[in-house]
Amino acid sequence: MSDTKAMGKFFETYRIKAGLTLAAAAEILDIGGADILARYEAGKTLIPLNEVFSMANIYNIPPDRVVQMFYDLSFERAQKQARESDSDSHLIKSER
């Protein structure tokens, strides 16, 4: 799963827990419509940092949970890059 999709799913889960529809959340966030929020949640558009903070506040997400989400995404990306690097080094070795 891409970072943008994982982040979108994270916020979608908390929006639903907060009892907000896409339309209601988009209106509170003042982001120009439910379609924009739907794109964020689907991972089609990267969520701007200021919106991350607003969503966390409106959805009552504890700050440490938001930090943990970013950490988890960074850790997963680092692991993926390490695996790719390992597979690339195996290719280089086998070509020798």
N, C-alpha and C. Protein backbone atom coordinates (compact mmCIF):
# COMPACT_ATOMS: atom_id res chain seq x y z
N MET A 1 0.85 -1.17 0.00
CA MET A 1 0.00 0.00 0.00
C MET A 1 0.90 1.24 0.00
N SER A 2 0.54 2.21 -0.83
CA SER A 2 1.34 3.43 -0.88
C SER A 2 1.14 4.26 0.38
N ASP A 3 2.07 5.18 0.61
CA ASP A 3 1.97 6.07 1.77
C ASP A 3 0.69 6.89 1.74
N THR A 4 0.35 7.42 0.56
CA THR A 4 -0.84 8.26 0.48
C THR A 4 -2.11 7.45 0.74
N LYS A 5 -2.14 6.19 0.27
CA LYS A 5 -3.31 5.34 0.54
C LYS A 5 -3.39 4.98 2.02
N ALA A 6 -2.26 4.66 2.62
CA ALA A 6 -2.24 4.30 4.04
C ALA A 6 -2.67 5.49 4.90
N MET A 7 -2.18 6.68 4.54
CA MET A 7 -2.55 7.87 5.29
C MET A 7 -4.04 8.17 5.11
N GLY A 8 -4.53 8.01 3.89
CA GLY A 8 -5.95 8.24 3.63
C GLY A 8 -6.83 7.29 4.42
N LYS A 9 -6.43 6.02 4.45
CA LYS A 9 -7.19 5.01 5.21
C LYS A 9 -7.18 5.34 6.70
N PHE A 10 -6.03 5.77 7.20
CA PHE A 10 -5.90 6.16 8.60
C PHE A 10 -6.93 7.23 8.95
N PHE A 11 -6.97 8.30 8.14
CA PHE A 11 -7.89 9.40 8.43
C PHE A 11 -9.35 9.02 8.17
N GLU A 12 -9.58 8.19 7.18
CA GLU A 12 -10.96 7.72 6.94
C GLU A 12 -11.48 6.96 8.16
N THR A 13 -10.65 6.09 8.71
CA THR A 13 -11.04 5.31 9.89
C THR A 13 -11.41 6.22 11.05
N TYR A 14 -10.59 7.23 11.30
CA TYR A 14 -10.87 8.15 12.40
C TYR A 14 -12.07 9.05 12.11
N ARG A 15 -12.28 9.42 10.85
CA ARG A 15 -13.46 10.22 10.51
C ARG A 15 -14.74 9.46 10.82
N ILE A 16 -14.73 8.19 10.44
CA ILE A 16 -15.90 7.34 10.69
C ILE A 16 -16.10 7.16 12.20
N LYS A 17 -15.01 6.93 12.93
CA LYS A 17 -15.11 6.81 14.40
C LYS A 17 -15.67 8.08 15.02
N ALA A 18 -15.37 9.23 14.41
CA ALA A 18 -15.86 10.51 14.92
C ALA A 18 -17.33 10.73 14.55
N GLY A 19 -17.89 9.83 13.73
CA GLY A 19 -19.29 9.93 13.36
C GLY A 19 -19.57 10.99 12.31
N LEU A 20 -18.58 11.30 11.49
CA LEU A 20 -18.74 12.33 10.47
C LEU A 20 -18.83 11.73 9.08
N THR A 21 -19.74 12.25 8.29
CA THR A 21 -19.81 11.89 6.87
C THR A 21 -18.72 12.64 6.13
N LEU A 22 -18.46 12.24 4.90
CA LEU A 22 -17.51 12.98 4.07
C LEU A 22 -17.93 14.43 3.94
N ALA A 23 -19.22 14.65 3.67
CA ALA A 23 -19.72 16.02 3.47
C ALA A 23 -19.57 16.86 4.73
N ALA A 24 -19.93 16.30 5.88
CA ALA A 24 -19.84 17.04 7.13
C ALA A 24 -18.39 17.37 7.47
N ALA A 25 -17.51 16.39 7.32
CA ALA A 25 -16.09 16.62 7.62
C ALA A 25 -15.50 17.65 6.67
N ALA A 26 -15.82 17.57 5.39
CA ALA A 26 -15.30 18.53 4.41
C ALA A 26 -15.77 19.94 4.73
N GLU A 27 -17.02 20.07 5.17
CA GLU A 27 -17.54 21.39 5.52
C GLU A 27 -16.81 21.95 6.75
N ILE A 28 -16.62 21.12 7.76
CA ILE A 28 -15.90 21.57 8.96
C ILE A 28 -14.46 21.94 8.62
N LEU A 29 -13.83 21.12 7.77
CA LEU A 29 -12.45 21.37 7.37
C LEU A 29 -12.32 22.55 6.40
N ASP A 30 -13.44 22.90 5.78
CA ASP A 30 -13.48 24.00 4.81
C ASP A 30 -12.47 23.76 3.68
N ILE A 31 -12.58 22.56 3.08
CA ILE A 31 -11.62 22.19 2.03
C ILE A 31 -12.21 22.22 0.62
N GLY A 32 -13.44 22.67 0.49
CA GLY A 32 -13.98 22.83 -0.85
C GLY A 32 -14.85 21.70 -1.35
N GLY A 33 -15.16 20.75 -0.52
CA GLY A 33 -16.09 19.71 -0.94
C GLY A 33 -15.69 18.31 -0.53
N ALA A 34 -16.72 17.47 -0.47
CA ALA A 34 -16.52 16.07 -0.07
C ALA A 34 -15.66 15.32 -1.08
N ASP A 35 -15.69 15.75 -2.35
CA ASP A 35 -14.89 15.07 -3.37
C ASP A 35 -13.39 15.19 -3.09
N ILE A 36 -12.97 16.33 -2.56
CA ILE A 36 -11.56 16.51 -2.22
C ILE A 36 -11.18 15.58 -1.06
N LEU A 37 -12.03 15.55 -0.03
CA LEU A 37 -11.77 14.67 1.10
C LEU A 37 -11.77 13.21 0.67
N ALA A 38 -12.67 12.85 -0.23
CA ALA A 38 -12.72 11.47 -0.74
C ALA A 38 -11.42 11.13 -1.47
N ARG A 39 -10.85 12.09 -2.20
CA ARG A 39 -9.57 11.85 -2.88
C ARG A 39 -8.44 11.65 -1.88
N TYR A 40 -8.47 12.42 -0.79
CA TYR A 40 -7.47 12.23 0.27
C TYR A 40 -7.57 10.82 0.83
N GLU A 41 -8.80 10.44 1.18
CA GLU A 41 -9.01 9.14 1.83
C GLU A 41 -8.71 7.96 0.91
N ALA A 42 -8.89 8.15 -0.38
CA ALA A 42 -8.60 7.09 -1.35
C ALA A 42 -7.12 7.03 -1.69
N GLY A 43 -6.35 8.00 -1.21
CA GLY A 43 -4.92 8.02 -1.51
C GLY A 43 -4.61 8.54 -2.90
N LYS A 44 -5.57 9.22 -3.51
CA LYS A 44 -5.35 9.76 -4.85
C LYS A 44 -4.67 11.12 -4.82
N THR A 45 -4.77 11.80 -3.67
CA THR A 45 -4.15 13.10 -3.49
C THR A 45 -3.45 13.11 -2.13
N LEU A 46 -2.22 13.60 -2.11
CA LEU A 46 -1.49 13.70 -0.86
C LEU A 46 -2.16 14.75 0.02
N ILE A 47 -2.34 14.43 1.29
CA ILE A 47 -2.98 15.35 2.22
C ILE A 47 -1.97 16.41 2.64
N PRO A 48 -2.29 17.69 2.41
CA PRO A 48 -1.37 18.75 2.85
C PRO A 48 -1.21 18.72 4.37
N LEU A 49 -0.02 19.10 4.83
CA LEU A 49 0.29 19.02 6.26
C LEU A 49 -0.69 19.81 7.12
N ASN A 50 -1.08 21.00 6.65
CA ASN A 50 -2.04 21.78 7.44
C ASN A 50 -3.37 21.04 7.58
N GLU A 51 -3.76 20.28 6.54
CA GLU A 51 -4.99 19.49 6.62
C GLU A 51 -4.82 18.29 7.55
N VAL A 52 -3.62 17.72 7.59
CA VAL A 52 -3.34 16.62 8.52
C VAL A 52 -3.62 17.08 9.95
N PHE A 53 -3.12 18.27 10.29
CA PHE A 53 -3.33 18.79 11.64
C PHE A 53 -4.80 19.10 11.90
N SER A 54 -5.46 19.68 10.91
CA SER A 54 -6.89 20.00 11.07
C SER A 54 -7.72 18.73 11.24
N MET A 55 -7.44 17.72 10.41
CA MET A 55 -8.18 16.47 10.49
C MET A 55 -7.95 15.79 11.84
N ALA A 56 -6.71 15.79 12.28
CA ALA A 56 -6.40 15.17 13.57
C ALA A 56 -7.18 15.86 14.68
N ASN A 57 -7.26 17.17 14.63
CA ASN A 57 -7.99 17.93 15.64
C ASN A 57 -9.49 17.64 15.58
N ILE A 58 -10.06 17.72 14.41
CA ILE A 58 -11.50 17.53 14.25
C ILE A 58 -11.92 16.10 14.55
N TYR A 59 -11.09 15.14 14.20
CA TYR A 59 -11.42 13.72 14.42
C TYR A 59 -10.99 13.25 15.81
N ASN A 60 -10.44 14.15 16.62
CA ASN A 60 -10.00 13.83 17.98
C ASN A 60 -8.96 12.71 18.01
N ILE A 61 -8.00 12.81 17.11
CA ILE A 61 -6.92 11.82 17.06
C ILE A 61 -5.81 12.31 17.99
N PRO A 62 -5.39 11.48 18.93
CA PRO A 62 -4.30 11.88 19.83
C PRO A 62 -3.04 12.20 19.02
N PRO A 63 -2.36 13.29 19.38
CA PRO A 63 -1.15 13.67 18.63
C PRO A 63 -0.12 12.54 18.52
N ASP A 64 0.04 11.76 19.59
CA ASP A 64 1.02 10.67 19.53
C ASP A 64 0.63 9.62 18.49
N ARG A 65 -0.66 9.47 18.23
CA ARG A 65 -1.12 8.49 17.22
C ARG A 65 -0.79 8.99 15.82
N VAL A 66 -0.90 10.30 15.60
CA VAL A 66 -0.54 10.87 14.30
C VAL A 66 0.96 10.72 14.06
N VAL A 67 1.75 11.02 15.08
CA VAL A 67 3.21 10.86 14.98
C VAL A 67 3.54 9.40 14.70
N GLN A 68 2.88 8.48 15.39
CA GLN A 68 3.12 7.05 15.19
C GLN A 68 2.78 6.63 13.75
N MET A 69 1.70 7.19 13.20
CA MET A 69 1.33 6.88 11.82
C MET A 69 2.45 7.30 10.87
N PHE A 70 2.98 8.51 11.05
CA PHE A 70 4.09 8.96 10.20
C PHE A 70 5.33 8.09 10.39
N TYR A 71 5.61 7.72 11.62
CA TYR A 71 6.76 6.85 11.91
C TYR A 71 6.58 5.50 11.21
N ASP A 72 5.40 4.93 11.34
CA ASP A 72 5.13 3.62 10.71
C ASP A 72 5.32 3.69 9.20
N LEU A 73 4.82 4.76 8.59
CA LEU A 73 4.97 4.92 7.14
C LEU A 73 6.45 5.04 6.76
N SER A 74 7.21 5.80 7.54
CA SER A 74 8.63 5.97 7.26
C SER A 74 9.39 4.66 7.44
N PHE A 75 9.04 3.91 8.49
CA PHE A 75 9.69 2.64 8.76
C PHE A 75 9.40 1.64 7.65
N GLU A 76 8.14 1.58 7.22
CA GLU A 76 7.77 0.66 6.13
C GLU A 76 8.50 1.03 4.84
N ARG A 77 8.62 2.32 4.56
CA ARG A 77 9.32 2.76 3.36
C ARG A 77 10.80 2.38 3.44
N ALA A 78 11.40 2.56 4.61
CA ALA A 78 12.82 2.21 4.78
C ALA A 78 13.03 0.71 4.61
N GLN A 79 12.12 -0.09 5.14
CA GLN A 79 12.24 -1.54 4.98
C GLN A 79 12.14 -1.94 3.51
N LYS A 80 11.20 -1.33 2.80
CA LYS A 80 11.03 -1.63 1.38
C LYS A 80 12.29 -1.26 0.61
N GLN A 81 12.85 -0.10 0.90
CA GLN A 81 14.07 0.32 0.22
C GLN A 81 15.24 -0.61 0.53
N ALA A 82 15.31 -1.09 1.76
CA ALA A 82 16.38 -2.02 2.13
C ALA A 82 16.22 -3.34 1.37
N ARG A 83 14.99 -3.82 1.26
CA ARG A 83 14.74 -5.07 0.50
C ARG A 83 15.12 -4.89 -0.96
N GLU A 84 14.74 -3.74 -1.53
CA GLU A 84 15.08 -3.48 -2.93
C GLU A 84 16.58 -3.37 -3.12
N SER A 85 17.25 -2.76 -2.18
CA SER A 85 18.70 -2.62 -2.24
C SER A 85 19.37 -4.00 -2.16
N ASP A 86 18.85 -4.85 -1.27
CA ASP A 86 19.38 -6.21 -1.16
C ASP A 86 19.20 -6.98 -2.45
N SER A 87 18.02 -6.86 -3.07
CA SER A 87 17.80 -7.60 -4.31
C SER A 87 18.66 -7.05 -5.43
N ASP A 88 18.90 -5.73 -5.44
CA ASP A 88 19.78 -5.14 -6.44
C ASP A 88 21.21 -5.62 -6.26
N SER A 89 21.67 -5.75 -5.00
CA SER A 89 23.03 -6.20 -4.76
C SER A 89 23.20 -7.65 -5.17
N HIS A 90 22.16 -8.47 -5.04
CA HIS A 90 22.23 -9.85 -5.51
C HIS A 90 22.37 -9.90 -7.03
N LEU A 91 21.66 -9.00 -7.72
CA LEU A 91 21.77 -8.94 -9.16
C LEU A 91 23.17 -8.55 -9.60
N ILE A 92 23.76 -7.59 -8.91
CA ILE A 92 25.11 -7.14 -9.23
C ILE A 92 26.10 -8.26 -9.01
N LYS A 93 25.98 -8.98 -7.90
CA LYS A 93 26.89 -10.08 -7.59
C LYS A 93 26.77 -11.18 -8.62
N SER A 94 25.54 -11.48 -9.07
CA SER A 94 25.37 -12.59 -10.02
C SER A 94 25.88 -12.23 -11.40
N GLU A 95 26.01 -10.93 -11.69
CA GLU A 95 26.52 -10.51 -12.99
C GLU A 95 28.04 -10.61 -13.06
N ARG A 96 28.70 -10.71 -11.92
CA ARG A 96 30.17 -10.76 -11.89
C ARG A 96 30.69 -12.09 -12.32
